[in-house]
Amino acid sequence: MENKNQPSGEKFKSKIGGQALIEGIMMLGPNTGAMACRMPDGSIDVETWSENNGKNAPWYKKTPLVRGCVNFVISLAKGYKYMMKSADKQITEEEREEAGGDSFFDVVMLVGSVLGVVLALGLFVFLPKFFIGLIPAVKTHTILRSVLEGIVKIVIFVGYMFAISRMKDIHRQYMYHGAEHKTIACHEAELPLTIENVRKQTRFHKRCGTSFIFIVLLVSIFVMCFVPFTVTWQRTLASVVLLPLVVGISYECIRIAGNKDNLFTKILSAPGLAMQRITTQEPDDSMIEVAIEAMKPCIPVDKEEDKW
């Protein structure tokens, strides 16, 4: 069994990143992206496509602050696209026909996505500001109010992630998330991508999206300290408007945390790594097998292109 505190054996830092899907994993490399899904019949379906994240990437993917916003938007779009694709692969033809065909599932997925965005804005943007705005003593103290709003936001985030982790389907997705991390760690340790080698790796990774979200929460506290508004709706609107700046700064922070290993980066990475105890779970061998199939097409021939 894996020692949760053991070093990852990392020999280099890879650009390859991934995302857990529904019964599958997406990986994005410098030149190739891939999605591997476990099909209802037990087989593994793999799709690949071209990426441009290597040496010839456009300027907006390489310019500090700008690249964070661009990569964030691209990641959200691709994450949504392939999450929907992975969900579609789990639907049998019989289930599809009984429900009324593809159009029905398209509508359900679209409605679910819209509700997810509304829920996220309500929980993590409006609600903390609303609650703290009810306290007269801190209402006009911008810095104190921003800190308290941030604390409430973090508590809601941790509580929400823990609550949904109790759901069976989400728990399986977190297991696939663990398989994704372990496979990347195996690649970074320069070991052959076998189930045995992957199984030994740590499931915690400093450059994970969970860590990025936590850094976004922390940076948003700092940025909101400079917002003079005291009315809740004005502070909510300011948060939305300033989100590109917050994301841009956060991206640079996680790059620093991923590249350096010192006291500052350890402190910066600690909350996200702790959160990964919820958002990643130990995978079974069948999930590791899927992660390996998603990883293989994404490894570039030129190792220099793969360095973070």
C-alpha atoms as a PDB file:
ATOM      1  CA  MET A   1       0.000   0.000   0.000  1.00  0.00           C
ATOM      2  CA  GLU A   2       1.171   3.511  -0.809  1.00  0.00           C
ATOM      3  CA  ASN A   3       2.756   5.584   1.933  1.00  0.00           C
ATOM      4  CA  LYS A   4       0.829   8.845   1.565  1.00  0.00           C
ATOM      5  CA  ASN A   5       3.836  10.897   2.698  1.00  0.00           C
ATOM      6  CA  GLN A   6       6.488   9.275   0.534  1.00  0.00           C
ATOM      7  CA  PRO A   7       8.320  11.300  -2.134  1.00  0.00           C
ATOM      8  CA  SER A   8       6.882  10.835  -5.587  1.00  0.00           C
ATOM      9  CA  GLY A   9      10.249   9.817  -7.075  1.00  0.00           C
ATOM     10  CA  GLU A  10       9.880  12.714  -9.511  1.00  0.00           C
ATOM     11  CA  LYS A  11      12.887  13.110 -11.842  1.00  0.00           C
ATOM     12  CA  PHE A  12      11.377  15.832 -13.996  1.00  0.00           C
ATOM     13  CA  LYS A  13       8.206  17.920 -14.131  1.00  0.00           C
ATOM     14  CA  SER A  14       5.924  17.072 -17.047  1.00  0.00           C
ATOM     15  CA  LYS A  15       3.616  19.433 -18.933  1.00  0.00           C
ATOM     16  CA  ILE A  16       1.080  16.649 -19.254  1.00  0.00           C
ATOM     17  CA  GLY A  17      -2.027  17.266 -17.195  1.00  0.00           C
ATOM     18  CA  GLY A  18      -5.361  15.569 -16.998  1.00  0.00           C
ATOM     19  CA  GLN A  19      -8.907  15.451 -15.762  1.00  0.00           C
ATOM     20  CA  ALA A  20     -11.070  12.668 -14.431  1.00  0.00           C
ATOM     21  CA  LEU A  21     -14.164  12.028 -16.519  1.00  0.00           C
ATOM     22  CA  ILE A  22     -17.134   9.714 -16.115  1.00  0.00           C
ATOM     23  CA  GLU A  23     -15.563   6.242 -16.178  1.00  0.00           C
ATOM     24  CA  GLY A  24     -12.548   7.734 -17.933  1.00  0.00           C
ATOM     25  CA  ILE A  25      -9.661  10.172 -18.025  1.00  0.00           C
ATOM     26  CA  MET A  26      -8.575  12.973 -20.338  1.00  0.00           C
ATOM     27  CA  MET A  27      -4.882  13.804 -20.709  1.00  0.00           C
ATOM     28  CA  LEU A  28      -3.424  16.857 -22.459  1.00  0.00           C
ATOM     29  CA  GLY A  29       0.169  16.777 -23.689  1.00  0.00           C
ATOM     30  CA  PRO A  30       2.295  19.328 -25.557  1.00  0.00           C
ATOM     31  CA  ASN A  31       1.196  18.061 -28.985  1.00  0.00           C
ATOM     32  CA  THR A  32      -1.566  15.522 -28.375  1.00  0.00           C
ATOM     33  CA  GLY A  33      -4.661  15.181 -26.232  1.00  0.00           C
ATOM     34  CA  ALA A  34      -6.354  11.877 -25.441  1.00  0.00           C
ATOM     35  CA  MET A  35      -9.477  10.566 -23.745  1.00  0.00           C
ATOM     36  CA  ALA A  36      -9.739   6.983 -22.569  1.00  0.00           C
ATOM     37  CA  CYS A  37     -13.039   5.595 -21.257  1.00  0.00           C
ATOM     38  CA  ARG A  38     -14.086   2.243 -19.859  1.00  0.00           C
ATOM     39  CA  MET A  39     -17.065   1.232 -21.958  1.00  0.00           C
ATOM     40  CA  PRO A  40     -20.123  -0.628 -20.608  1.00  0.00           C
ATOM     41  CA  ASP A  41     -18.855  -3.821 -22.296  1.00  0.00           C
ATOM     42  CA  GLY A  42     -15.535  -3.575 -20.407  1.00  0.00           C
ATOM     43  CA  SER A  43     -13.380  -2.437 -23.339  1.00  0.00           C
ATOM     44  CA  ILE A  44     -11.350   0.789 -23.334  1.00  0.00           C
ATOM     45  CA  ASP A  45     -12.235   3.393 -25.946  1.00  0.00           C
ATOM     46  CA  VAL A  46      -9.461   5.908 -26.788  1.00  0.00           C
ATOM     47  CA  GLU A  47      -9.828   9.167 -28.730  1.00  0.00           C
ATOM     48  CA  THR A  48      -6.900  11.439 -29.636  1.00  0.00           C
ATOM     49  CA  TRP A  49      -6.594  14.936 -31.097  1.00  0.00           C
ATOM     50  CA  SER A  50      -3.902  17.526 -31.823  1.00  0.00           C
ATOM     51  CA  GLU A  51      -2.782  20.054 -29.198  1.00  0.00           C
ATOM     52  CA  ASN A  52      -0.511  23.087 -29.459  1.00  0.00           C
ATOM     53  CA  ASN A  53       1.020  23.517 -26.010  1.00  0.00           C
ATOM     54  CA  GLY A  54       4.648  22.944 -26.952  1.00  0.00           C
ATOM     55  CA  LYS A  55       7.461  25.171 -28.215  1.00  0.00           C
ATOM     56  CA  ASN A  56       5.290  26.556 -31.020  1.00  0.00           C
ATOM     57  CA  ALA A  57       2.368  27.512 -28.799  1.00  0.00           C
ATOM     58  CA  PRO A  58       0.836  30.951 -29.603  1.00  0.00           C
ATOM     59  CA  TRP A  59       1.902  34.004 -27.597  1.00  0.00           C
ATOM     60  CA  TYR A  60      -1.264  34.098 -25.497  1.00  0.00           C
ATOM     61  CA  LYS A  61      -0.424  30.658 -24.084  1.00  0.00           C
ATOM     62  CA  LYS A  62       3.038  31.828 -23.024  1.00  0.00           C
ATOM     63  CA  THR A  63       2.596  35.438 -21.838  1.00  0.00           C
ATOM     64  CA  PRO A  64       2.477  35.794 -18.010  1.00  0.00           C
ATOM     65  CA  LEU A  65      -0.972  36.633 -16.560  1.00  0.00           C
ATOM     66  CA  VAL A  66      -2.589  36.337 -20.009  1.00  0.00           C
ATOM     67  CA  ARG A  67      -1.731  32.635 -20.292  1.00  0.00           C
ATOM     68  CA  GLY A  68      -3.477  31.875 -17.020  1.00  0.00           C
ATOM     69  CA  CYS A  69      -6.817  33.258 -18.193  1.00  0.00           C
ATOM     70  CA  VAL A  70      -6.527  31.686 -21.644  1.00  0.00           C
ATOM     71  CA  ASN A  71      -5.522  28.261 -20.338  1.00  0.00           C
ATOM     72  CA  PHE A  72      -8.279  28.397 -17.726  1.00  0.00           C
ATOM     73  CA  VAL A  73     -10.972  29.098 -20.333  1.00  0.00           C
ATOM     74  CA  ILE A  74      -9.573  26.441 -22.687  1.00  0.00           C
ATOM     75  CA  SER A  75      -9.431  23.906 -19.851  1.00  0.00           C
ATOM     76  CA  LEU A  76     -13.030  24.616 -18.865  1.00  0.00           C
ATOM     77  CA  ALA A  77     -14.231  24.272 -22.457  1.00  0.00           C
ATOM     78  CA  LYS A  78     -12.326  21.042 -23.083  1.00  0.00           C
ATOM     79  CA  GLY A  79     -13.257  19.674 -19.689  1.00  0.00           C
ATOM     80  CA  TYR A  80     -16.945  20.256 -20.403  1.00  0.00           C
ATOM     81  CA  LYS A  81     -16.708  18.835 -23.931  1.00  0.00           C
ATOM     82  CA  TYR A  82     -15.017  15.590 -22.933  1.00  0.00           C
ATOM     83  CA  MET A  83     -17.008  15.191 -19.716  1.00  0.00           C
ATOM     84  CA  MET A  84     -20.137  15.223 -21.860  1.00  0.00           C
ATOM     85  CA  LYS A  85     -18.541  12.796 -24.326  1.00  0.00           C
ATOM     86  CA  SER A  86     -17.571  10.412 -21.549  1.00  0.00           C
ATOM     87  CA  ALA A  87     -21.100  10.522 -20.132  1.00  0.00           C
ATOM     88  CA  ASP A  88     -22.511   9.818 -23.590  1.00  0.00           C
ATOM     89  CA  LYS A  89     -20.303   6.725 -23.916  1.00  0.00           C
ATOM     90  CA  GLN A  90     -21.905   5.200 -20.829  1.00  0.00           C
ATOM     91  CA  ILE A  91     -25.384   5.275 -22.356  1.00  0.00           C
ATOM     92  CA  THR A  92     -26.390   2.105 -24.176  1.00  0.00           C
ATOM     93  CA  GLU A  93     -28.400   2.248 -27.393  1.00  0.00           C
ATOM     94  CA  GLU A  94     -31.395   0.746 -25.601  1.00  0.00           C
ATOM     95  CA  GLU A  95     -31.299   3.465 -22.916  1.00  0.00           C
ATOM     96  CA  ARG A  96     -30.904   6.133 -25.590  1.00  0.00           C
ATOM     97  CA  GLU A  97     -33.926   4.910 -27.553  1.00  0.00           C
ATOM     98  CA  GLU A  98     -36.078   4.588 -24.424  1.00  0.00           C
ATOM     99  CA  ALA A  99     -35.263   8.186 -23.423  1.00  0.00           C
ATOM    100  CA  GLY A 100     -36.084   9.608 -26.842  1.00  0.00           C
ATOM    101  CA  GLY A 101     -32.699   9.748 -28.591  1.00  0.00           C
ATOM    102  CA  ASP A 102     -29.669  12.013 -28.514  1.00  0.00           C
ATOM    103  CA  SER A 103     -31.623  15.279 -28.339  1.00  0.00           C
ATOM    104  CA  PHE A 104     -33.034  14.403 -24.913  1.00  0.00           C
ATOM    105  CA  PHE A 105     -29.606  13.737 -23.415  1.00  0.00           C
ATOM    106  CA  ASP A 106     -28.198  16.898 -25.025  1.00  0.00           C
ATOM    107  CA  VAL A 107     -30.900  18.966 -23.335  1.00  0.00           C
ATOM    108  CA  VAL A 108     -30.367  17.260 -19.974  1.00  0.00           C
ATOM    109  CA  MET A 109     -26.614  17.870 -20.119  1.00  0.00           C
ATOM    110  CA  LEU A 110     -27.048  21.501 -21.154  1.00  0.00           C
ATOM    111  CA  VAL A 111     -29.548  22.203 -18.362  1.00  0.00           C
ATOM    112  CA  GLY A 112     -27.280  20.470 -15.856  1.00  0.00           C
ATOM    113  CA  SER A 113     -24.307  22.579 -16.931  1.00  0.00           C
ATOM    114  CA  VAL A 114     -26.243  25.860 -16.682  1.00  0.00           C
ATOM    115  CA  LEU A 115     -27.515  24.930 -13.224  1.00  0.00           C
ATOM    116  CA  GLY A 116     -23.940  24.039 -12.215  1.00  0.00           C
ATOM    117  CA  VAL A 117     -22.672  27.493 -13.200  1.00  0.00           C
ATOM    118  CA  VAL A 118     -25.539  29.214 -11.357  1.00  0.00           C
ATOM    119  CA  LEU A 119     -24.903  27.069  -8.270  1.00  0.00           C
ATOM    120  CA  ALA A 120     -21.164  27.852  -8.329  1.00  0.00           C
ATOM    121  CA  LEU A 121     -21.770  31.607  -8.610  1.00  0.00           C
ATOM    122  CA  GLY A 122     -24.352  31.496  -5.857  1.00  0.00           C
ATOM    123  CA  LEU A 123     -22.322  29.387  -3.424  1.00  0.00           C
ATOM    124  CA  PHE A 124     -18.829  30.748  -3.932  1.00  0.00           C
ATOM    125  CA  VAL A 125     -19.360  34.338  -5.096  1.00  0.00           C
ATOM    126  CA  PHE A 126     -22.636  35.729  -3.742  1.00  0.00           C
ATOM    127  CA  LEU A 127     -23.308  33.740  -0.551  1.00  0.00           C
ATOM    128  CA  PRO A 128     -20.058  34.571   1.351  1.00  0.00           C
ATOM    129  CA  LYS A 129     -20.485  38.275   0.580  1.00  0.00           C
ATOM    130  CA  PHE A 130     -24.135  38.179   1.584  1.00  0.00           C
ATOM    131  CA  PHE A 131     -23.444  36.492   4.935  1.00  0.00           C
ATOM    132  CA  ILE A 132     -20.559  38.779   5.922  1.00  0.00           C
ATOM    133  CA  GLY A 133     -22.518  41.801   4.687  1.00  0.00           C
ATOM    134  CA  LEU A 134     -25.081  41.052   7.406  1.00  0.00           C
ATOM    135  CA  ILE A 135     -22.507  41.814  10.127  1.00  0.00           C
ATOM    136  CA  PRO A 136     -22.646  45.582  10.783  1.00  0.00           C
ATOM    137  CA  ALA A 137     -19.317  45.677  12.633  1.00  0.00           C
ATOM    138  CA  VAL A 138     -17.275  44.552   9.584  1.00  0.00           C
ATOM    139  CA  LYS A 139     -19.440  45.845   6.748  1.00  0.00           C
ATOM    140  CA  THR A 140     -17.293  48.923   6.058  1.00  0.00           C
ATOM    141  CA  HIS A 141     -13.894  47.410   6.966  1.00  0.00           C
ATOM    142  CA  THR A 142     -12.731  46.336   3.506  1.00  0.00           C
ATOM    143  CA  ILE A 143      -9.714  44.206   4.457  1.00  0.00           C
ATOM    144  CA  LEU A 144     -11.390  42.425   7.384  1.00  0.00           C
ATOM    145  CA  ARG A 145     -14.520  41.875   5.311  1.00  0.00           C
ATOM    146  CA  SER A 146     -12.507  40.404   2.422  1.00  0.00           C
ATOM    147  CA  VAL A 147     -10.685  38.020   4.749  1.00  0.00           C
ATOM    148  CA  LEU A 148     -13.916  36.859   6.392  1.00  0.00           C
ATOM    149  CA  GLU A 149     -15.609  36.438   2.997  1.00  0.00           C
ATOM    150  CA  GLY A 150     -12.638  34.343   1.884  1.00  0.00           C
ATOM    151  CA  ILE A 151     -12.810  32.159   4.986  1.00  0.00           C
ATOM    152  CA  VAL A 152     -16.532  31.536   4.448  1.00  0.00           C
ATOM    153  CA  LYS A 153     -15.834  30.767   0.777  1.00  0.00           C
ATOM    154  CA  ILE A 154     -13.163  28.214   1.704  1.00  0.00           C
ATOM    155  CA  VAL A 155     -15.411  26.578   4.321  1.00  0.00           C
ATOM    156  CA  ILE A 156     -18.243  26.290   1.777  1.00  0.00           C
ATOM    157  CA  PHE A 157     -15.854  24.886  -0.833  1.00  0.00           C
ATOM    158  CA  VAL A 158     -14.378  22.243   1.479  1.00  0.00           C
ATOM    159  CA  GLY A 159     -17.798  21.302   2.835  1.00  0.00           C
ATOM    160  CA  TYR A 160     -19.276  21.043  -0.660  1.00  0.00           C
ATOM    161  CA  MET A 161     -16.436  18.870  -1.980  1.00  0.00           C
ATOM    162  CA  PHE A 162     -16.636  16.600   1.069  1.00  0.00           C
ATOM    163  CA  ALA A 163     -20.413  16.278   0.791  1.00  0.00           C
ATOM    164  CA  ILE A 164     -20.425  15.311  -2.893  1.00  0.00           C
ATOM    165  CA  SER A 165     -17.532  12.886  -2.305  1.00  0.00           C
ATOM    166  CA  ARG A 166     -20.044  10.732  -0.373  1.00  0.00           C
ATOM    167  CA  MET A 167     -21.971  10.174  -3.614  1.00  0.00           C
ATOM    168  CA  LYS A 168     -21.116   6.874  -5.314  1.00  0.00           C
ATOM    169  CA  ASP A 169     -20.592   8.279  -8.832  1.00  0.00           C
ATOM    170  CA  ILE A 170     -18.478  11.212  -7.605  1.00  0.00           C
ATOM    171  CA  HIS A 171     -16.406   8.872  -5.443  1.00  0.00           C
ATOM    172  CA  ARG A 172     -15.614   6.791  -8.531  1.00  0.00           C
ATOM    173  CA  GLN A 173     -14.664   9.951 -10.400  1.00  0.00           C
ATOM    174  CA  TYR A 174     -12.297  10.834  -7.539  1.00  0.00           C
ATOM    175  CA  MET A 175     -10.778   7.342  -7.883  1.00  0.00           C
ATOM    176  CA  TYR A 176     -10.134   8.065 -11.570  1.00  0.00           C
ATOM    177  CA  HIS A 177      -8.618  11.395 -10.456  1.00  0.00           C
ATOM    178  CA  GLY A 178      -6.255   9.405  -8.243  1.00  0.00           C
ATOM    179  CA  ALA A 179      -5.372   7.158 -11.188  1.00  0.00           C
ATOM    180  CA  GLU A 180      -4.611  10.229 -13.309  1.00  0.00           C
ATOM    181  CA  HIS A 181      -2.232  11.648 -10.683  1.00  0.00           C
ATOM    182  CA  LYS A 182      -0.503   8.336 -10.082  1.00  0.00           C
ATOM    183  CA  THR A 183       0.075   7.810 -13.806  1.00  0.00           C
ATOM    184  CA  ILE A 184       1.553  11.291 -14.238  1.00  0.00           C
ATOM    185  CA  ALA A 185       3.758  10.681 -11.183  1.00  0.00           C
ATOM    186  CA  CYS A 186       4.960   7.404 -12.717  1.00  0.00           C
ATOM    187  CA  HIS A 187       5.796   9.205 -15.967  1.00  0.00           C
ATOM    188  CA  GLU A 188       7.658  11.930 -14.035  1.00  0.00           C
ATOM    189  CA  ALA A 189       9.586   9.228 -12.156  1.00  0.00           C
ATOM    190  CA  GLU A 190      10.657   7.915 -15.587  1.00  0.00           C
ATOM    191  CA  LEU A 191       9.321   4.437 -14.876  1.00  0.00           C
ATOM    192  CA  PRO A 192       7.601   2.205 -17.458  1.00  0.00           C
ATOM    193  CA  LEU A 193       3.852   2.808 -17.476  1.00  0.00           C
ATOM    194  CA  THR A 194       2.690  -0.469 -15.995  1.00  0.00           C
ATOM    195  CA  ILE A 195      -0.133  -1.039 -13.514  1.00  0.00           C
ATOM    196  CA  GLU A 196       2.387  -2.218 -10.908  1.00  0.00           C
ATOM    197  CA  ASN A 197       4.582   0.886 -11.246  1.00  0.00           C
ATOM    198  CA  VAL A 198       1.648   3.304 -11.294  1.00  0.00           C
ATOM    199  CA  ARG A 199       0.031   1.697  -8.256  1.00  0.00           C
ATOM    200  CA  LYS A 200       3.098   2.541  -6.107  1.00  0.00           C
ATOM    201  CA  GLN A 201       2.998   6.275  -6.851  1.00  0.00           C
ATOM    202  CA  THR A 202       1.538   9.059  -4.737  1.00  0.00           C
ATOM    203  CA  ARG A 203      -1.913  10.301  -5.651  1.00  0.00           C
ATOM    204  CA  PHE A 204      -1.095  13.876  -4.552  1.00  0.00           C
ATOM    205  CA  HIS A 205       0.251  16.380  -7.063  1.00  0.00           C
ATOM    206  CA  LYS A 206       1.219  20.050  -6.589  1.00  0.00           C
ATOM    207  CA  ARG A 207       0.077  21.065 -10.076  1.00  0.00           C
ATOM    208  CA  CYS A 208      -3.422  19.640  -9.697  1.00  0.00           C
ATOM    209  CA  GLY A 209      -6.559  21.620 -10.526  1.00  0.00           C
ATOM    210  CA  THR A 210      -7.661  21.252  -6.892  1.00  0.00           C
ATOM    211  CA  SER A 211      -4.525  23.080  -5.770  1.00  0.00           C
ATOM    212  CA  PHE A 212      -5.161  25.711  -8.434  1.00  0.00           C
ATOM    213  CA  ILE A 213      -8.697  26.339  -7.146  1.00  0.00           C
ATOM    214  CA  PHE A 214      -7.392  26.767  -3.610  1.00  0.00           C
ATOM    215  CA  ILE A 215      -4.810  29.283  -4.815  1.00  0.00           C
ATOM    216  CA  VAL A 216      -7.596  31.124  -6.673  1.00  0.00           C
ATOM    217  CA  LEU A 217      -9.529  31.352  -3.394  1.00  0.00           C
ATOM    218  CA  LEU A 218      -6.492  32.728  -1.554  1.00  0.00           C
ATOM    219  CA  VAL A 219      -5.582  35.223  -4.284  1.00  0.00           C
ATOM    220  CA  SER A 220      -9.186  36.424  -4.467  1.00  0.00           C
ATOM    221  CA  ILE A 221      -9.001  37.372  -0.774  1.00  0.00           C
ATOM    222  CA  PHE A 222      -5.933  39.505  -1.470  1.00  0.00           C
ATOM    223  CA  VAL A 223      -7.418  41.176  -4.564  1.00  0.00           C
ATOM    224  CA  MET A 224     -10.755  41.920  -2.886  1.00  0.00           C
ATOM    225  CA  CYS A 225      -8.923  43.788  -0.118  1.00  0.00           C
ATOM    226  CA  PHE A 226      -8.443  46.579  -2.669  1.00  0.00           C
ATOM    227  CA  VAL A 227     -12.124  46.766  -3.638  1.00  0.00           C
ATOM    228  CA  PRO A 228     -13.745  49.698  -1.790  1.00  0.00           C
ATOM    229  CA  PHE A 229     -17.389  48.680  -2.343  1.00  0.00           C
ATOM    230  CA  THR A 230     -19.491  47.758   0.703  1.00  0.00           C
ATOM    231  CA  VAL A 231     -22.796  46.892  -0.992  1.00  0.00           C
ATOM    232  CA  THR A 232     -23.117  43.128  -1.520  1.00  0.00           C
ATOM    233  CA  TRP A 233     -24.215  43.201  -5.163  1.00  0.00           C
ATOM    234  CA  GLN A 234     -21.390  45.628  -6.014  1.00  0.00           C
ATOM    235  CA  ARG A 235     -18.797  43.373  -4.375  1.00  0.00           C
ATOM    236  CA  THR A 236     -20.286  40.361  -6.186  1.00  0.00           C
ATOM    237  CA  LEU A 237     -20.043  42.151  -9.535  1.00  0.00           C
ATOM    238  CA  ALA A 238     -16.482  43.249  -8.743  1.00  0.00           C
ATOM    239  CA  SER A 239     -15.524  39.623  -8.022  1.00  0.00           C
ATOM    240  CA  VAL A 240     -16.803  38.534 -11.425  1.00  0.00           C
ATOM    241  CA  VAL A 241     -15.091  41.433 -13.236  1.00  0.00           C
ATOM    242  CA  LEU A 242     -11.781  40.811 -11.442  1.00  0.00           C
ATOM    243  CA  LEU A 243     -11.871  37.034 -11.999  1.00  0.00           C
ATOM    244  CA  PRO A 244      -9.506  37.151 -15.037  1.00  0.00           C
ATOM    245  CA  LEU A 245      -6.912  39.007 -12.934  1.00  0.00           C
ATOM    246  CA  VAL A 246      -7.326  36.568 -10.035  1.00  0.00           C
ATOM    247  CA  VAL A 247      -6.995  33.567 -12.366  1.00  0.00           C
ATOM    248  CA  GLY A 248      -3.956  35.088 -14.082  1.00  0.00           C
ATOM    249  CA  ILE A 249      -2.137  35.682 -10.778  1.00  0.00           C
ATOM    250  CA  SER A 250      -3.144  32.235  -9.468  1.00  0.00           C
ATOM    251  CA  TYR A 251      -1.771  30.522 -12.570  1.00  0.00           C
ATOM    252  CA  GLU A 252       1.606  32.193 -12.089  1.00  0.00           C
ATOM    253  CA  CYS A 253       1.563  31.145  -8.427  1.00  0.00           C
ATOM    254  CA  ILE A 254       0.904  27.494  -9.244  1.00  0.00           C
ATOM    255  CA  ARG A 255       3.680  27.571 -11.853  1.00  0.00           C
ATOM    256  CA  ILE A 256       6.060  28.815  -9.170  1.00  0.00           C
ATOM    257  CA  ALA A 257       4.797  26.166  -6.738  1.00  0.00           C
ATOM    258  CA  GLY A 258       5.254  23.497  -9.402  1.00  0.00           C
ATOM    259  CA  ASN A 259       8.774  24.601 -10.338  1.00  0.00           C
ATOM    260  CA  LYS A 260      10.298  25.377  -6.951  1.00  0.00           C
ATOM    261  CA  ASP A 261      10.636  23.433  -3.730  1.00  0.00           C
ATOM    262  CA  ASN A 262      11.136  25.840  -0.833  1.00  0.00           C
ATOM    263  CA  LEU A 263       9.307  26.961   2.308  1.00  0.00           C
ATOM    264  CA  PHE A 264       7.107  29.461   0.444  1.00  0.00           C
ATOM    265  CA  THR A 265       5.982  26.987  -2.217  1.00  0.00           C
ATOM    266  CA  LYS A 266       5.382  24.293   0.421  1.00  0.00           C
ATOM    267  CA  ILE A 267       3.090  26.670   2.305  1.00  0.00           C
ATOM    268  CA  LEU A 268       1.403  27.703  -0.949  1.00  0.00           C
ATOM    269  CA  SER A 269       0.836  24.072  -1.988  1.00  0.00           C
ATOM    270  CA  ALA A 270      -0.193  22.713   1.418  1.00  0.00           C
ATOM    271  CA  PRO A 271      -3.948  23.571   1.337  1.00  0.00           C
ATOM    272  CA  GLY A 272      -4.417  22.114  -2.148  1.00  0.00           C
ATOM    273  CA  LEU A 273      -2.499  18.954  -1.305  1.00  0.00           C
ATOM    274  CA  ALA A 274      -4.590  18.528   1.846  1.00  0.00           C
ATOM    275  CA  MET A 275      -7.763  19.015  -0.210  1.00  0.00           C
ATOM    276  CA  GLN A 276      -6.644  16.248  -2.549  1.00  0.00           C
ATOM    277  CA  ARG A 277      -7.258  13.805   0.295  1.00  0.00           C
ATOM    278  CA  ILE A 278     -10.916  14.378  -0.613  1.00  0.00           C
ATOM    279  CA  THR A 279     -10.763  14.940  -4.376  1.00  0.00           C
ATOM    280  CA  THR A 280      -8.479  11.982  -5.120  1.00  0.00           C
ATOM    281  CA  GLN A 281      -9.024   8.412  -3.948  1.00  0.00           C
ATOM    282  CA  GLU A 282      -7.045   5.218  -4.388  1.00  0.00           C
ATOM    283  CA  PRO A 283      -7.964   3.723  -7.796  1.00  0.00           C
ATOM    284  CA  ASP A 284      -8.389   0.072  -8.675  1.00  0.00           C
ATOM    285  CA  ASP A 285      -6.261  -1.576 -11.355  1.00  0.00           C
ATOM    286  CA  SER A 286      -8.920  -1.199 -14.052  1.00  0.00           C
ATOM    287  CA  MET A 287      -8.880   2.588 -13.541  1.00  0.00           C
ATOM    288  CA  ILE A 288      -5.087   2.685 -13.664  1.00  0.00           C
ATOM    289  CA  GLU A 289      -5.263   0.780 -16.951  1.00  0.00           C
ATOM    290  CA  VAL A 290      -7.554   3.499 -18.379  1.00  0.00           C
ATOM    291  CA  ALA A 291      -5.196   6.256 -17.153  1.00  0.00           C
ATOM    292  CA  ILE A 292      -2.212   4.579 -18.826  1.00  0.00           C
ATOM    293  CA  GLU A 293      -4.082   4.339 -22.137  1.00  0.00           C
ATOM    294  CA  ALA A 294      -4.940   8.050 -21.900  1.00  0.00           C
ATOM    295  CA  MET A 295      -1.342   8.984 -21.065  1.00  0.00           C
ATOM    296  CA  LYS A 296       0.518   7.032 -23.746  1.00  0.00           C
ATOM    297  CA  PRO A 297      -0.532   9.087 -26.819  1.00  0.00           C
ATOM    298  CA  CYS A 298       0.287  12.356 -25.009  1.00  0.00           C
ATOM    299  CA  ILE A 299       3.985  11.666 -24.345  1.00  0.00           C
ATOM    300  CA  PRO A 300       6.005  13.591 -26.957  1.00  0.00           C
ATOM    301  CA  VAL A 301       8.984  12.071 -28.756  1.00  0.00           C
ATOM    302  CA  ASP A 302      11.121  15.068 -27.782  1.00  0.00           C
ATOM    303  CA  LYS A 303      11.379  15.041 -24.007  1.00  0.00           C
ATOM    304  CA  GLU A 304      12.341  18.729 -23.958  1.00  0.00           C
ATOM    305  CA  GLU A 305       8.826  19.566 -25.142  1.00  0.00           C
ATOM    306  CA  ASP A 306       7.416  17.746 -22.121  1.00  0.00           C
ATOM    307  CA  LYS A 307       9.274  19.723 -19.450  1.00  0.00           C
ATOM    308  CA  TRP A 308       7.093  21.997 -17.324  1.00  0.00           C
END
